[in-house]
């Protein structure tokens, strides 16, 4: 009988120790996994913002369509200016500006270029060269992302195929000017839903209890306020 009691006590002690360990380790494991997934989601939202800003620069408008955004990243081209040569201090002091110089050079008149002192005898050509070259969007915007896949833009990491919610709208600024805005977002439940439900609910409730209209998830941009396309993690 004593042996049975000892065994039961040993088991009880082990179980109690395990429960105590889990009560400490559980939140640590949860927060570690949340941080890992948050980083992946934030990076994807930054990639979306990068593409949207470039698209608006090119076309004058954001898009609410991931098909349009993905096609732009895969097939679009961005102009970049190649700059060769600079004006000398003497030329600048004499009142020459780069705009004036390029106007003369683009006239194509060698005589006018030489008369303005903008001919480089060493290279037998104009002193300044300003040309636009068009490079693939993906090479310009994501040159440091070796594993970047444009088709992944719409999808939430760890979201089991769920797409980000994305929209575009117009707001009126305090000065009375219209401004186009966009937002892309996903709730925590989409990419954290398979984790500890109690801890996840606590995380969500903490967000909802904060002052202001806080979004319980990750979001970049806003359809409600002009926030310069900031992310809610920034």
Protein backbone atom coordinates (compact mmCIF):
# COMPACT_ATOMS: atom_id res chain seq x y z
CA UNK A 1 0.00 0.00 0.00
CA UNK A 2 2.82 2.37 0.91
CA UNK A 3 4.49 1.63 -2.41
CA UNK A 4 1.29 2.47 -4.28
CA UNK A 5 0.94 5.73 -2.37
CA UNK A 6 4.57 6.63 -3.10
CA UNK A 7 4.09 5.93 -6.79
CA UNK A 8 0.95 8.03 -6.88
CA UNK A 9 2.68 10.86 -5.02
CA UNK A 10 5.62 10.70 -7.45
CA UNK A 11 3.26 10.85 -10.40
CA UNK A 12 1.38 13.74 -8.82
CA UNK A 13 4.62 15.63 -8.21
CA UNK A 14 5.73 15.08 -11.80
CA UNK A 15 2.37 16.23 -13.14
CA UNK A 16 2.41 19.29 -10.91
CA UNK A 17 5.94 20.13 -12.03
CA UNK A 18 4.90 19.74 -15.68
CA UNK A 19 1.83 21.94 -15.21
CA UNK A 20 3.97 24.59 -13.51
CA UNK A 21 6.55 24.40 -16.28
CA UNK A 22 3.90 24.69 -18.98
CA UNK A 23 2.32 27.67 -17.23
CA UNK A 24 5.65 29.46 -17.66
CA UNK A 25 6.88 27.97 -20.92
CA UNK A 26 3.52 28.14 -22.70
CA UNK A 27 3.37 31.95 -22.97
CA UNK A 28 7.07 32.05 -23.89
CA UNK A 29 6.54 29.60 -26.76
CA UNK A 30 3.40 31.48 -27.81
CA UNK A 31 5.14 34.86 -27.91
CA UNK A 32 8.13 33.42 -29.78
CA UNK A 33 5.88 31.93 -32.47
CA UNK A 34 3.79 35.12 -32.69
CA UNK A 35 6.94 37.22 -33.18
CA UNK A 36 8.12 34.91 -35.98
CA UNK A 37 4.79 35.05 -37.79
CA UNK A 38 4.42 38.80 -37.24
CA UNK A 39 7.77 39.38 -38.94
CA UNK A 40 6.68 37.39 -41.99
CA UNK A 41 3.34 39.22 -42.23
CA UNK A 42 4.96 42.63 -41.77
CA UNK A 43 7.48 41.89 -44.53
CA UNK A 44 4.66 40.94 -46.90
CA UNK A 45 2.75 44.13 -46.05
CA UNK A 46 5.90 46.18 -46.65
CA UNK A 47 6.27 44.47 -50.03
CA UNK A 48 2.67 45.38 -50.87
CA UNK A 49 3.23 48.99 -49.81
CA UNK A 50 6.40 49.20 -51.90
CA UNK A 51 4.53 47.98 -54.98
CA UNK A 52 1.55 50.27 -54.37
CA UNK A 53 3.69 53.39 -54.02
CA UNK A 54 5.60 52.55 -57.20
CA UNK A 55 2.37 51.83 -59.07
CA UNK A 56 0.90 55.17 -58.02
CA UNK A 57 4.06 56.96 -59.14
CA UNK A 58 3.75 55.29 -62.53
CA UNK A 59 -0.01 55.48 -63.09
CA UNK A 60 -1.23 58.13 -60.66
CA UNK A 61 -3.38 55.71 -58.70
CA UNK A 62 -3.26 52.87 -56.19
CA UNK A 63 -5.14 49.67 -56.94
CA UNK A 64 -7.52 47.49 -54.94
CA UNK A 65 -6.75 44.54 -57.22
CA UNK A 66 -3.99 42.09 -56.36
CA UNK A 67 -4.07 40.88 -59.96
CA UNK A 68 -3.18 44.38 -61.13
CA UNK A 69 -0.52 44.82 -58.45
CA UNK A 70 1.10 41.45 -59.10
CA UNK A 71 1.11 42.03 -62.87
CA UNK A 72 2.79 45.41 -62.34
CA UNK A 73 5.53 43.83 -60.22
CA UNK A 74 6.09 41.00 -62.72
CA UNK A 75 5.81 42.90 -66.00
CA UNK A 76 6.18 46.62 -65.21
CA UNK A 77 9.23 48.78 -65.74
CA UNK A 78 10.48 51.74 -63.73
CA UNK A 79 12.52 54.60 -65.21
CA UNK A 80 15.78 55.43 -63.50
CA UNK A 81 17.95 58.42 -64.41
CA UNK A 82 21.55 57.82 -65.39
CA UNK A 83 23.65 60.86 -64.46
CA UNK A 84 27.10 61.40 -65.94
CA UNK A 85 29.04 64.60 -65.38
CA UNK A 86 28.42 67.71 -63.27
CA UNK A 87 28.61 71.45 -63.72
CA UNK A 88 31.77 73.11 -62.48
CA UNK A 89 31.79 75.70 -59.73
CA UNK A 90 32.71 78.37 -62.29
CA UNK A 91 29.70 77.42 -64.43
CA UNK A 92 27.38 77.50 -61.43
CA UNK A 93 28.73 80.91 -60.32
CA UNK A 94 28.18 82.20 -63.85
CA UNK A 95 24.49 81.36 -63.51
CA UNK A 96 24.36 78.08 -65.39
CA UNK A 97 21.90 75.55 -63.97
CA UNK A 98 21.52 71.90 -64.78
CA UNK A 99 18.08 72.59 -66.30
CA UNK A 100 19.52 75.25 -68.63
CA UNK A 101 22.49 73.04 -69.50
CA UNK A 102 20.32 70.05 -70.38
CA UNK A 103 18.02 72.23 -72.49
CA UNK A 104 21.02 73.31 -74.55
CA UNK A 105 22.47 69.81 -74.75
CA UNK A 106 19.13 68.28 -75.78
CA UNK A 107 18.91 70.76 -78.64
CA UNK A 108 21.47 68.55 -80.35
CA UNK A 109 23.38 71.55 -81.70
CA UNK A 110 27.09 70.94 -81.20
CA UNK A 111 27.74 74.61 -81.96
CA UNK A 112 25.32 75.78 -79.25
CA UNK A 113 26.69 73.26 -76.76
CA UNK A 114 30.26 74.42 -77.38
CA UNK A 115 29.22 78.07 -77.25
CA UNK A 116 27.70 77.49 -73.81
CA UNK A 117 30.92 75.83 -72.63
CA UNK A 118 29.20 72.49 -72.18
CA UNK A 119 31.34 70.44 -74.55
CA UNK A 120 33.81 67.96 -73.08
CA UNK A 121 36.79 67.74 -75.43
CA UNK A 122 38.27 64.72 -73.64
CA UNK A 123 35.30 62.53 -74.51
CA UNK A 124 34.30 64.55 -77.58
CA UNK A 125 30.76 64.92 -76.35
CA UNK A 126 28.48 66.96 -74.08
CA UNK A 127 29.71 67.57 -70.55
CA UNK A 128 26.50 66.27 -69.02
CA UNK A 129 24.50 63.14 -69.79
CA UNK A 130 21.06 62.61 -68.29
CA UNK A 131 19.27 59.56 -69.64
CA UNK A 132 16.35 57.51 -68.43
CA UNK A 133 16.61 53.74 -68.58
CA UNK A 134 13.68 51.45 -67.88
CA UNK A 135 14.37 48.52 -65.59
CA UNK A 136 12.05 45.69 -64.47
CA UNK A 137 10.05 46.64 -61.38
CA UNK A 138 11.10 43.50 -59.54
CA UNK A 139 14.79 44.30 -60.09
CA UNK A 140 14.43 47.88 -58.87
CA UNK A 141 12.09 47.40 -55.90
CA UNK A 142 13.16 44.00 -54.62
CA UNK A 143 16.80 43.76 -55.65
CA UNK A 144 17.82 42.66 -52.14
CA UNK A 145 15.13 39.97 -51.91
CA UNK A 146 16.65 36.92 -53.58
CA UNK A 147 13.70 34.66 -52.76
CA UNK A 148 10.98 37.19 -53.56
CA UNK A 149 8.01 35.71 -55.45
CA UNK A 150 5.55 38.28 -56.90
CA UNK A 151 2.68 35.79 -56.91
CA UNK A 152 2.96 35.54 -53.12
CA UNK A 153 1.95 39.20 -52.59
CA UNK A 154 -1.79 38.57 -52.01
CA UNK A 155 -1.34 35.77 -49.49
CA UNK A 156 -1.00 36.02 -45.72
CA UNK A 157 1.99 34.04 -44.41
CA UNK A 158 0.78 31.17 -42.18
CA UNK A 159 -2.73 32.01 -43.40
CA UNK A 160 -3.40 28.73 -45.25
CA UNK A 161 -4.11 30.47 -48.55
CA UNK A 162 -6.05 33.43 -47.12
CA UNK A 163 -5.53 36.71 -48.96
CA UNK A 164 -4.97 40.11 -47.39
CA UNK A 165 -7.91 42.50 -47.41
CA UNK A 166 -6.98 45.43 -49.64
CA UNK A 167 -8.89 48.56 -50.58
CA UNK A 168 -8.52 52.03 -52.08
CA UNK A 169 -10.48 55.21 -51.32
CA UNK A 170 -10.35 59.00 -51.40
CA UNK A 171 -10.19 61.24 -48.34
CA UNK A 172 -10.38 65.02 -47.94
CA UNK A 173 -7.46 66.50 -46.02
CA UNK A 174 -7.83 69.19 -43.35
CA UNK A 175 -6.80 71.70 -46.03
CA UNK A 176 -9.65 70.55 -48.23
CA UNK A 177 -7.62 68.63 -50.79
CA UNK A 178 -8.61 65.14 -51.99
CA UNK A 179 -6.01 62.43 -51.43
CA UNK A 180 -6.10 58.81 -52.46
CA UNK A 181 -5.32 56.23 -49.79
CA UNK A 182 -5.00 52.49 -49.65
CA UNK A 183 -4.86 49.85 -46.95
CA UNK A 184 -3.95 46.18 -46.74
CA UNK A 185 -4.62 44.19 -43.60
CA UNK A 186 -5.31 40.82 -42.01
CA UNK A 187 -6.65 39.95 -38.53
CA UNK A 188 -4.58 37.99 -36.03
CA UNK A 189 -7.06 35.13 -36.25
CA UNK A 190 -6.01 34.43 -39.85
CA UNK A 191 -2.36 33.66 -39.17
CA UNK A 192 -2.37 32.95 -35.42
CA UNK A 193 -5.62 31.00 -35.22
CA UNK A 194 -3.94 27.62 -34.70
CA UNK A 195 -2.05 28.77 -31.61
CA UNK A 196 -3.17 28.72 -27.95
CA UNK A 197 -6.70 30.12 -28.05
CA UNK A 198 -6.66 31.53 -24.53
CA UNK A 199 -3.45 33.46 -25.10
CA UNK A 200 -4.61 34.58 -28.53
CA UNK A 201 -7.91 35.87 -27.16
CA UNK A 202 -5.99 37.76 -24.47
CA UNK A 203 -3.77 39.34 -27.13
CA UNK A 204 -6.77 40.42 -29.19
CA UNK A 205 -8.63 41.77 -26.17
CA UNK A 206 -5.60 43.80 -25.10
CA UNK A 207 -5.65 45.50 -28.52
CA UNK A 208 -9.39 46.18 -28.35
CA UNK A 209 -9.07 47.63 -24.83
CA UNK A 210 -6.55 50.26 -25.90
CA UNK A 211 -7.75 53.83 -26.58
CA UNK A 212 -8.73 54.59 -30.16
CA UNK A 213 -9.99 52.38 -32.92
CA UNK A 214 -7.25 49.75 -32.84
CA UNK A 215 -7.21 46.97 -35.43
CA UNK A 216 -6.68 43.47 -33.96
CA UNK A 217 -4.25 42.40 -36.64
CA UNK A 218 -1.56 43.73 -38.95
CA UNK A 219 -2.36 46.66 -41.24
CA UNK A 220 -0.53 49.03 -43.56
CA UNK A 221 -2.13 52.26 -44.75
CA UNK A 222 -5.69 53.25 -43.85
CA UNK A 223 -8.98 54.05 -45.53
CA UNK A 224 -10.03 56.17 -42.55
CA UNK A 225 -7.10 58.56 -42.10
CA UNK A 226 -4.25 59.78 -44.28
CA UNK A 227 -1.30 58.23 -42.43
CA UNK A 228 1.33 58.26 -45.20
CA UNK A 229 0.89 54.50 -45.67
CA UNK A 230 2.25 53.72 -42.20
CA UNK A 231 1.95 50.25 -40.73
CA UNK A 232 0.26 49.81 -37.36
CA UNK A 233 3.43 48.14 -36.09
CA UNK A 234 5.51 51.28 -36.78
